[in-house]
């Protein structure tokens, strides 16, 4: 079980994995997990409300998360 699965189970969150595309990338020489969510699946605020506590939960593995919503500047979410 990965950290995201552990977090969603601990918070009793329904995580629709079939609606979220995940990919791994190297950004600035660092490992990044990128999650793409279709605009019609969730609002930016809903995604931010999920990503903030998920980032804190994964503090041993994740230094920060970067949230980029359509039409907005990226926001860095830190532990």
PDB file of N, CA and C in Angstrom:
ATOM      1  N   UNK A   1       0.851  -1.175   0.000  1.00  0.00           N
ATOM      2  CA  UNK A   1       0.000   0.000   0.000  1.00  0.00           C
ATOM      3  C   UNK A   1       0.899   1.240   0.000  1.00  0.00           C
ATOM      4  N   UNK A   2       0.599   2.200  -0.872  1.00  0.00           N
ATOM      5  CA  UNK A   2       1.421   3.401  -0.899  1.00  0.00           C
ATOM      6  C   UNK A   2       0.881   4.449   0.074  1.00  0.00           C
ATOM      7  N   UNK A   3       1.651   5.512   0.261  1.00  0.00           N
ATOM      8  CA  UNK A   3       1.302   6.540   1.240  1.00  0.00           C
ATOM      9  C   UNK A   3      -0.038   7.191   0.937  1.00  0.00           C
ATOM     10  N   UNK A   4      -0.327   7.426  -0.335  1.00  0.00           N
ATOM     11  CA  UNK A   4      -1.599   8.042  -0.704  1.00  0.00           C
ATOM     12  C   UNK A   4      -2.767   7.145  -0.318  1.00  0.00           C
ATOM     13  N   UNK A   5      -2.634   5.854  -0.553  1.00  0.00           N
ATOM     14  CA  UNK A   5      -3.682   4.912  -0.144  1.00  0.00           C
ATOM     15  C   UNK A   5      -3.856   4.919   1.373  1.00  0.00           C
ATOM     16  N   UNK A   6      -2.736   4.927   2.109  1.00  0.00           N
ATOM     17  CA  UNK A   6      -2.798   4.961   3.573  1.00  0.00           C
ATOM     18  C   UNK A   6      -3.525   6.215   4.051  1.00  0.00           C
ATOM     19  N   UNK A   7      -3.191   7.354   3.446  1.00  0.00           N
ATOM     20  CA  UNK A   7      -3.816   8.616   3.839  1.00  0.00           C
ATOM     21  C   UNK A   7      -5.317   8.586   3.578  1.00  0.00           C
ATOM     22  N   UNK A   8      -5.725   8.168   2.398  1.00  0.00           N
ATOM     23  CA  UNK A   8      -7.151   8.187   2.070  1.00  0.00           C
ATOM     24  C   UNK A   8      -7.934   7.243   2.969  1.00  0.00           C
ATOM     25  N   UNK A   9      -7.348   6.114   3.322  1.00  0.00           N
ATOM     26  CA  UNK A   9      -8.034   5.189   4.235  1.00  0.00           C
ATOM     27  C   UNK A   9      -8.112   5.767   5.642  1.00  0.00           C
ATOM     28  N   UNK A  10      -7.031   6.404   6.108  1.00  0.00           N
ATOM     29  CA  UNK A  10      -7.027   6.963   7.466  1.00  0.00           C
ATOM     30  C   UNK A  10      -8.015   8.123   7.602  1.00  0.00           C
ATOM     31  N   UNK A  11      -8.268   8.832   6.515  1.00  0.00           N
ATOM     32  CA  UNK A  11      -9.186   9.979   6.535  1.00  0.00           C
ATOM     33  C   UNK A  11     -10.568   9.617   5.995  1.00  0.00           C
ATOM     34  N   UNK A  12     -10.765   8.353   5.657  1.00  0.00           N
ATOM     35  CA  UNK A  12     -12.028   7.869   5.086  1.00  0.00           C
ATOM     36  C   UNK A  12     -12.442   8.701   3.863  1.00  0.00           C
ATOM     37  N   UNK A  13     -11.475   8.871   2.958  1.00  0.00           N
ATOM     38  CA  UNK A  13     -11.691   9.639   1.735  1.00  0.00           C
ATOM     39  C   UNK A  13     -11.846   8.672   0.573  1.00  0.00           C
ATOM     40  N   UNK A  14     -12.871   8.897  -0.229  1.00  0.00           N
ATOM     41  CA  UNK A  14     -13.057   8.111  -1.441  1.00  0.00           C
ATOM     42  C   UNK A  14     -12.139   8.689  -2.507  1.00  0.00           C
ATOM     43  N   UNK A  15     -11.119   7.955  -2.868  1.00  0.00           N
ATOM     44  CA  UNK A  15     -10.104   8.404  -3.813  1.00  0.00           C
ATOM     45  C   UNK A  15     -10.390   7.751  -5.156  1.00  0.00           C
ATOM     46  N   UNK A  16     -10.963   8.488  -6.107  1.00  0.00           N
ATOM     47  CA  UNK A  16     -11.368   7.893  -7.389  1.00  0.00           C
ATOM     48  C   UNK A  16     -10.184   7.685  -8.332  1.00  0.00           C
ATOM     49  N   UNK A  17      -9.420   6.630  -8.109  1.00  0.00           N
ATOM     50  CA  UNK A  17      -8.201   6.405  -8.881  1.00  0.00           C
ATOM     51  C   UNK A  17      -8.450   6.279 -10.376  1.00  0.00           C
ATOM     52  N   UNK A  18      -9.640   5.876 -10.773  1.00  0.00           N
ATOM     53  CA  UNK A  18      -9.914   5.754 -12.204  1.00  0.00           C
ATOM     54  C   UNK A  18     -10.099   7.117 -12.859  1.00  0.00           C
ATOM     55  N   UNK A  19     -10.312   8.163 -12.069  1.00  0.00           N
ATOM     56  CA  UNK A  19     -10.540   9.501 -12.610  1.00  0.00           C
ATOM     57  C   UNK A  19      -9.325  10.412 -12.459  1.00  0.00           C
ATOM     58  N   UNK A  20      -8.258   9.884 -11.893  1.00  0.00           N
ATOM     59  CA  UNK A  20      -7.061  10.683 -11.662  1.00  0.00           C
ATOM     60  C   UNK A  20      -5.886  10.017 -12.363  1.00  0.00           C
ATOM     61  N   UNK A  21      -5.244  10.773 -13.261  1.00  0.00           N
ATOM     62  CA  UNK A  21      -4.066  10.240 -13.947  1.00  0.00           C
ATOM     63  C   UNK A  21      -2.833  10.575 -13.116  1.00  0.00           C
ATOM     64  N   UNK A  22      -1.974   9.583 -12.952  1.00  0.00           N
ATOM     65  CA  UNK A  22      -0.756   9.771 -12.173  1.00  0.00           C
ATOM     66  C   UNK A  22       0.446   9.507 -13.062  1.00  0.00           C
ATOM     67  N   UNK A  23       1.491  10.301 -12.874  1.00  0.00           N
ATOM     68  CA  UNK A  23       2.740  10.023 -13.568  1.00  0.00           C
ATOM     69  C   UNK A  23       3.896  10.483 -12.697  1.00  0.00           C
ATOM     70  N   UNK A  24       5.050   9.924 -12.957  1.00  0.00           N
ATOM     71  CA  UNK A  24       6.267  10.246 -12.224  1.00  0.00           C
ATOM     72  C   UNK A  24       7.145  11.084 -13.147  1.00  0.00           C
ATOM     73  N   UNK A  25       7.776  12.107 -12.593  1.00  0.00           N
ATOM     74  CA  UNK A  25       8.639  12.969 -13.391  1.00  0.00           C
ATOM     75  C   UNK A  25       9.802  13.458 -12.541  1.00  0.00           C
ATOM     76  N   UNK A  26      10.826  13.957 -13.224  1.00  0.00           N
ATOM     77  CA  UNK A  26      11.936  14.616 -12.544  1.00  0.00           C
ATOM     78  C   UNK A  26      11.790  16.104 -12.821  1.00  0.00           C
ATOM     79  N   UNK A  27      11.679  16.877 -11.765  1.00  0.00           N
ATOM     80  CA  UNK A  27      11.523  18.323 -11.898  1.00  0.00           C
ATOM     81  C   UNK A  27      12.603  18.991 -11.064  1.00  0.00           C
ATOM     82  N   UNK A  28      13.467  19.725 -11.711  1.00  0.00           N
ATOM     83  CA  UNK A  28      14.551  20.407 -10.998  1.00  0.00           C
ATOM     84  C   UNK A  28      15.471  19.443 -10.281  1.00  0.00           C
ATOM     85  N   UNK A  29      15.665  18.266 -10.854  1.00  0.00           N
ATOM     86  CA  UNK A  29      16.541  17.270 -10.250  1.00  0.00           C
ATOM     87  C   UNK A  29      15.923  16.517  -9.092  1.00  0.00           C
ATOM     88  N   UNK A  30      14.618  16.683  -8.883  1.00  0.00           N
ATOM     89  CA  UNK A  30      13.933  15.996  -7.787  1.00  0.00           C
ATOM     90  C   UNK A  30      12.795  15.138  -8.320  1.00  0.00           C
ATOM     91  N   UNK A  31      12.498  14.096  -7.599  1.00  0.00           N
ATOM     92  CA  UNK A  31      11.401  13.192  -7.914  1.00  0.00           C
ATOM     93  C   UNK A  31      10.070  13.898  -7.709  1.00  0.00           C
ATOM     94  N   UNK A  32       9.147  13.716  -8.639  1.00  0.00           N
ATOM     95  CA  UNK A  32       7.822  14.328  -8.502  1.00  0.00           C
ATOM     96  C   UNK A  32       6.748  13.331  -8.913  1.00  0.00           C
ATOM     97  N   UNK A  33       5.684  13.305  -8.157  1.00  0.00           N
ATOM     98  CA  UNK A  33       4.492  12.542  -8.529  1.00  0.00           C
ATOM     99  C   UNK A  33       3.472  13.569  -8.994  1.00  0.00           C
ATOM    100  N   UNK A  34       2.994  13.408 -10.211  1.00  0.00           N
ATOM    101  CA  UNK A  34       2.063  14.369 -10.794  1.00  0.00           C
ATOM    102  C   UNK A  34       0.697  13.715 -10.911  1.00  0.00           C
ATOM    103  N   UNK A  35      -0.300  14.390 -10.392  1.00  0.00           N
ATOM    104  CA  UNK A  35      -1.674  13.902 -10.442  1.00  0.00           C
ATOM    105  C   UNK A  35      -2.481  14.872 -11.283  1.00  0.00           C
ATOM    106  N   UNK A  36      -3.117  14.367 -12.315  1.00  0.00           N
ATOM    107  CA  UNK A  36      -3.944  15.203 -13.182  1.00  0.00           C
ATOM    108  C   UNK A  36      -5.405  14.837 -12.972  1.00  0.00           C
ATOM    109  N   UNK A  37      -6.188  15.849 -12.647  1.00  0.00           N
ATOM    110  CA  UNK A  37      -7.607  15.649 -12.375  1.00  0.00           C
ATOM    111  C   UNK A  37      -8.393  16.500 -13.365  1.00  0.00           C
ATOM    112  N   UNK A  38      -9.325  15.896 -14.047  1.00  0.00           N
ATOM    113  CA  UNK A  38     -10.137  16.624 -15.019  1.00  0.00           C
ATOM    114  C   UNK A  38     -10.939  17.715 -14.321  1.00  0.00           C
ATOM    115  N   UNK A  39     -11.090  18.852 -15.000  1.00  0.00           N
ATOM    116  CA  UNK A  39     -11.811  19.987 -14.409  1.00  0.00           C
ATOM    117  C   UNK A  39     -13.223  19.631 -13.982  1.00  0.00           C
ATOM    118  N   UNK A  40     -13.859  18.753 -14.715  1.00  0.00           N
ATOM    119  CA  UNK A  40     -15.248  18.419 -14.387  1.00  0.00           C
ATOM    120  C   UNK A  40     -15.362  17.406 -13.256  1.00  0.00           C
ATOM    121  N   UNK A  41     -14.227  16.914 -12.746  1.00  0.00           N
ATOM    122  CA  UNK A  41     -14.232  15.928 -11.665  1.00  0.00           C
ATOM    123  C   UNK A  41     -14.135  16.570 -10.285  1.00  0.00           C
ATOM    124  N   UNK A  42     -13.443  17.712 -10.193  1.00  0.00           N
ATOM    125  CA  UNK A  42     -13.258  18.371  -8.896  1.00  0.00           C
ATOM    126  C   UNK A  42     -12.861  19.819  -9.126  1.00  0.00           C
ATOM    127  N   UNK A  43     -13.202  20.669  -8.169  1.00  0.00           N
ATOM    128  CA  UNK A  43     -12.770  22.065  -8.245  1.00  0.00           C
ATOM    129  C   UNK A  43     -11.350  22.172  -7.704  1.00  0.00           C
ATOM    130  N   UNK A  44     -10.696  23.264  -8.018  1.00  0.00           N
ATOM    131  CA  UNK A  44      -9.344  23.479  -7.515  1.00  0.00           C
ATOM    132  C   UNK A  44      -9.340  23.491  -5.985  1.00  0.00           C
ATOM    133  N   UNK A  45     -10.345  24.098  -5.393  1.00  0.00           N
ATOM    134  CA  UNK A  45     -10.437  24.154  -3.931  1.00  0.00           C
ATOM    135  C   UNK A  45     -10.581  22.750  -3.338  1.00  0.00           C
ATOM    136  N   UNK A  46     -11.371  21.898  -3.968  1.00  0.00           N
ATOM    137  CA  UNK A  46     -11.533  20.521  -3.484  1.00  0.00           C
ATOM    138  C   UNK A  46     -10.215  19.767  -3.557  1.00  0.00           C
ATOM    139  N   UNK A  47      -9.481  19.976  -4.648  1.00  0.00           N
ATOM    140  CA  UNK A  47      -8.183  19.312  -4.794  1.00  0.00           C
ATOM    141  C   UNK A  47      -7.210  19.837  -3.743  1.00  0.00           C
ATOM    142  N   UNK A  48      -7.170  21.149  -3.535  1.00  0.00           N
ATOM    143  CA  UNK A  48      -6.282  21.741  -2.527  1.00  0.00           C
ATOM    144  C   UNK A  48      -6.605  21.211  -1.136  1.00  0.00           C
ATOM    145  N   UNK A  49      -7.886  21.061  -0.834  1.00  0.00           N
ATOM    146  CA  UNK A  49      -8.297  20.537   0.473  1.00  0.00           C
ATOM    147  C   UNK A  49      -7.887  19.084   0.666  1.00  0.00           C
ATOM    148  N   UNK A  50      -7.632  18.373  -0.412  1.00  0.00           N
ATOM    149  CA  UNK A  50      -7.124  17.006  -0.342  1.00  0.00           C
ATOM    150  C   UNK A  50      -5.594  17.009  -0.276  1.00  0.00           C
ATOM    151  N   UNK A  51      -4.964  17.834  -1.116  1.00  0.00           N
ATOM    152  CA  UNK A  51      -3.505  17.820  -1.240  1.00  0.00           C
ATOM    153  C   UNK A  51      -2.812  18.349   0.016  1.00  0.00           C
ATOM    154  N   UNK A  52      -3.353  19.401   0.642  1.00  0.00           N
ATOM    155  CA  UNK A  52      -2.703  19.964   1.842  1.00  0.00           C
ATOM    156  C   UNK A  52      -2.492  18.911   2.935  1.00  0.00           C
ATOM    157  N   UNK A  53      -3.543  18.254   3.410  1.00  0.00           N
ATOM    158  CA  UNK A  53      -3.317  17.250   4.457  1.00  0.00           C
ATOM    159  C   UNK A  53      -2.553  16.027   3.951  1.00  0.00           C
ATOM    160  N   UNK A  54      -2.702  15.686   2.677  1.00  0.00           N
ATOM    161  CA  UNK A  54      -1.953  14.548   2.132  1.00  0.00           C
ATOM    162  C   UNK A  54      -0.458  14.844   2.140  1.00  0.00           C
ATOM    163  N   UNK A  55      -0.085  16.082   1.840  1.00  0.00           N
ATOM    164  CA  UNK A  55       1.321  16.486   1.866  1.00  0.00           C
ATOM    165  C   UNK A  55       1.869  16.394   3.284  1.00  0.00           C
ATOM    166  N   UNK A  56       1.108  16.856   4.259  1.00  0.00           N
ATOM    167  CA  UNK A  56       1.540  16.763   5.658  1.00  0.00           C
ATOM    168  C   UNK A  56       1.657  15.305   6.104  1.00  0.00           C
ATOM    169  N   UNK A  57       0.710  14.469   5.681  1.00  0.00           N
ATOM    170  CA  UNK A  57       0.712  13.056   6.044  1.00  0.00           C
ATOM    171  C   UNK A  57       1.967  12.364   5.515  1.00  0.00           C
ATOM    172  N   UNK A  58       2.416  12.757   4.340  1.00  0.00           N
ATOM    173  CA  UNK A  58       3.562  12.114   3.694  1.00  0.00           C
ATOM    174  C   UNK A  58       4.862  12.873   3.948  1.00  0.00           C
ATOM    175  N   UNK A  59       4.945  13.591   5.076  1.00  0.00           N
ATOM    176  CA  UNK A  59       6.092  14.465   5.339  1.00  0.00           C
ATOM    177  C   UNK A  59       7.441  13.757   5.305  1.00  0.00           C
ATOM    178  N   UNK A  60       7.480  12.463   5.558  1.00  0.00           N
ATOM    179  CA  UNK A  60       8.748  11.737   5.494  1.00  0.00           C
ATOM    180  C   UNK A  60       9.168  11.442   4.062  1.00  0.00           C
ATOM    181  N   UNK A  61       8.239  11.561   3.129  1.00  0.00           N
ATOM    182  CA  UNK A  61       8.520  11.257   1.730  1.00  0.00           C
ATOM    183  C   UNK A  61       8.404  12.466   0.816  1.00  0.00           C
ATOM    184  N   UNK A  62       7.665  13.487   1.254  1.00  0.00           N
ATOM    185  CA  UNK A  62       7.356  14.630   0.392  1.00  0.00           C
ATOM    186  C   UNK A  62       7.753  15.921   1.098  1.00  0.00           C
ATOM    187  N   UNK A  63       8.538  16.757   0.418  1.00  0.00           N
ATOM    188  CA  UNK A  63       8.911  18.056   0.979  1.00  0.00           C
ATOM    189  C   UNK A  63       7.825  19.095   0.731  1.00  0.00           C
ATOM    190  N   UNK A  64       7.213  19.038  -0.432  1.00  0.00           N
ATOM    191  CA  UNK A  64       6.157  19.985  -0.773  1.00  0.00           C
ATOM    192  C   UNK A  64       5.338  19.442  -1.936  1.00  0.00           C
ATOM    193  N   UNK A  65       4.193  20.057  -2.138  1.00  0.00           N
ATOM    194  CA  UNK A  65       3.351  19.746  -3.294  1.00  0.00           C
ATOM    195  C   UNK A  65       3.143  21.034  -4.067  1.00  0.00           C
ATOM    196  N   UNK A  66       2.988  20.905  -5.360  1.00  0.00           N
ATOM    197  CA  UNK A  66       2.736  22.042  -6.225  1.00  0.00           C
ATOM    198  C   UNK A  66       1.373  21.844  -6.860  1.00  0.00           C
ATOM    199  N   UNK A  67       0.492  22.789  -6.636  1.00  0.00           N
ATOM    200  CA  UNK A  67      -0.867  22.701  -7.161  1.00  0.00           C
ATOM    201  C   UNK A  67      -1.033  23.730  -8.264  1.00  0.00           C
ATOM    202  N   UNK A  68      -1.387  23.269  -9.454  1.00  0.00           N
ATOM    203  CA  UNK A  68      -1.605  24.158 -10.601  1.00  0.00           C
ATOM    204  C   UNK A  68      -3.016  23.937 -11.103  1.00  0.00           C
ATOM    205  N   UNK A  69      -3.837  24.944 -10.920  1.00  0.00           N
ATOM    206  CA  UNK A  69      -5.221  24.890 -11.379  1.00  0.00           C
ATOM    207  C   UNK A  69      -5.350  25.678 -12.672  1.00  0.00           C
ATOM    208  N   UNK A  70      -6.270  25.287 -13.530  1.00  0.00           N
ATOM    209  CA  UNK A  70      -6.446  25.989 -14.804  1.00  0.00           C
ATOM    210  C   UNK A  70      -6.692  27.487 -14.597  1.00  0.00           C
ATOM    211  N   UNK A  71      -5.927  28.297 -15.322  1.00  0.00           N
ATOM    212  CA  UNK A  71      -6.101  29.741 -15.260  1.00  0.00           C
ATOM    213  C   UNK A  71      -5.521  30.410 -14.032  1.00  0.00           C
ATOM    214  N   UNK A  72      -4.807  29.660 -13.189  1.00  0.00           N
ATOM    215  CA  UNK A  72      -4.232  30.226 -11.967  1.00  0.00           C
ATOM    216  C   UNK A  72      -2.737  29.951 -11.910  1.00  0.00           C
ATOM    217  N   UNK A  73      -2.031  30.747 -11.108  1.00  0.00           N
ATOM    218  CA  UNK A  73      -0.605  30.518 -10.902  1.00  0.00           C
ATOM    219  C   UNK A  73      -0.428  29.300 -10.005  1.00  0.00           C
ATOM    220  N   UNK A  74       0.682  28.555 -10.171  1.00  0.00           N
ATOM    221  CA  UNK A  74       0.936  27.413  -9.290  1.00  0.00           C
ATOM    222  C   UNK A  74       1.081  27.855  -7.833  1.00  0.00           C
ATOM    223  N   UNK A  75       0.643  27.006  -6.928  1.00  0.00           N
ATOM    224  CA  UNK A  75       0.724  27.267  -5.492  1.00  0.00           C
ATOM    225  C   UNK A  75       1.548  26.152  -4.864  1.00  0.00           C
ATOM    226  N   UNK A  76       2.549  26.523  -4.063  1.00  0.00           N
ATOM    227  CA  UNK A  76       3.371  25.545  -3.357  1.00  0.00           C
ATOM    228  C   UNK A  76       2.727  25.260  -2.005  1.00  0.00           C
ATOM    229  N   UNK A  77       2.485  23.996  -1.734  1.00  0.00           N
ATOM    230  CA  UNK A  77       1.917  23.566  -0.457  1.00  0.00           C
ATOM    231  C   UNK A  77       3.013  22.816   0.286  1.00  0.00           C
ATOM    232  N   UNK A  78       3.420  23.338   1.443  1.00  0.00           N
ATOM    233  CA  UNK A  78       4.526  22.739   2.186  1.00  0.00           C
ATOM    234  C   UNK A  78       4.029  22.019   3.428  1.00  0.00           C
ATOM    235  N   UNK A  79       4.953  21.259   4.031  1.00  0.00           N
ATOM    236  CA  UNK A  79       4.629  20.549   5.270  1.00  0.00           C
ATOM    237  C   UNK A  79       4.571  21.541   6.376  1.00  0.00           C
TER     238      UNK A  79
END
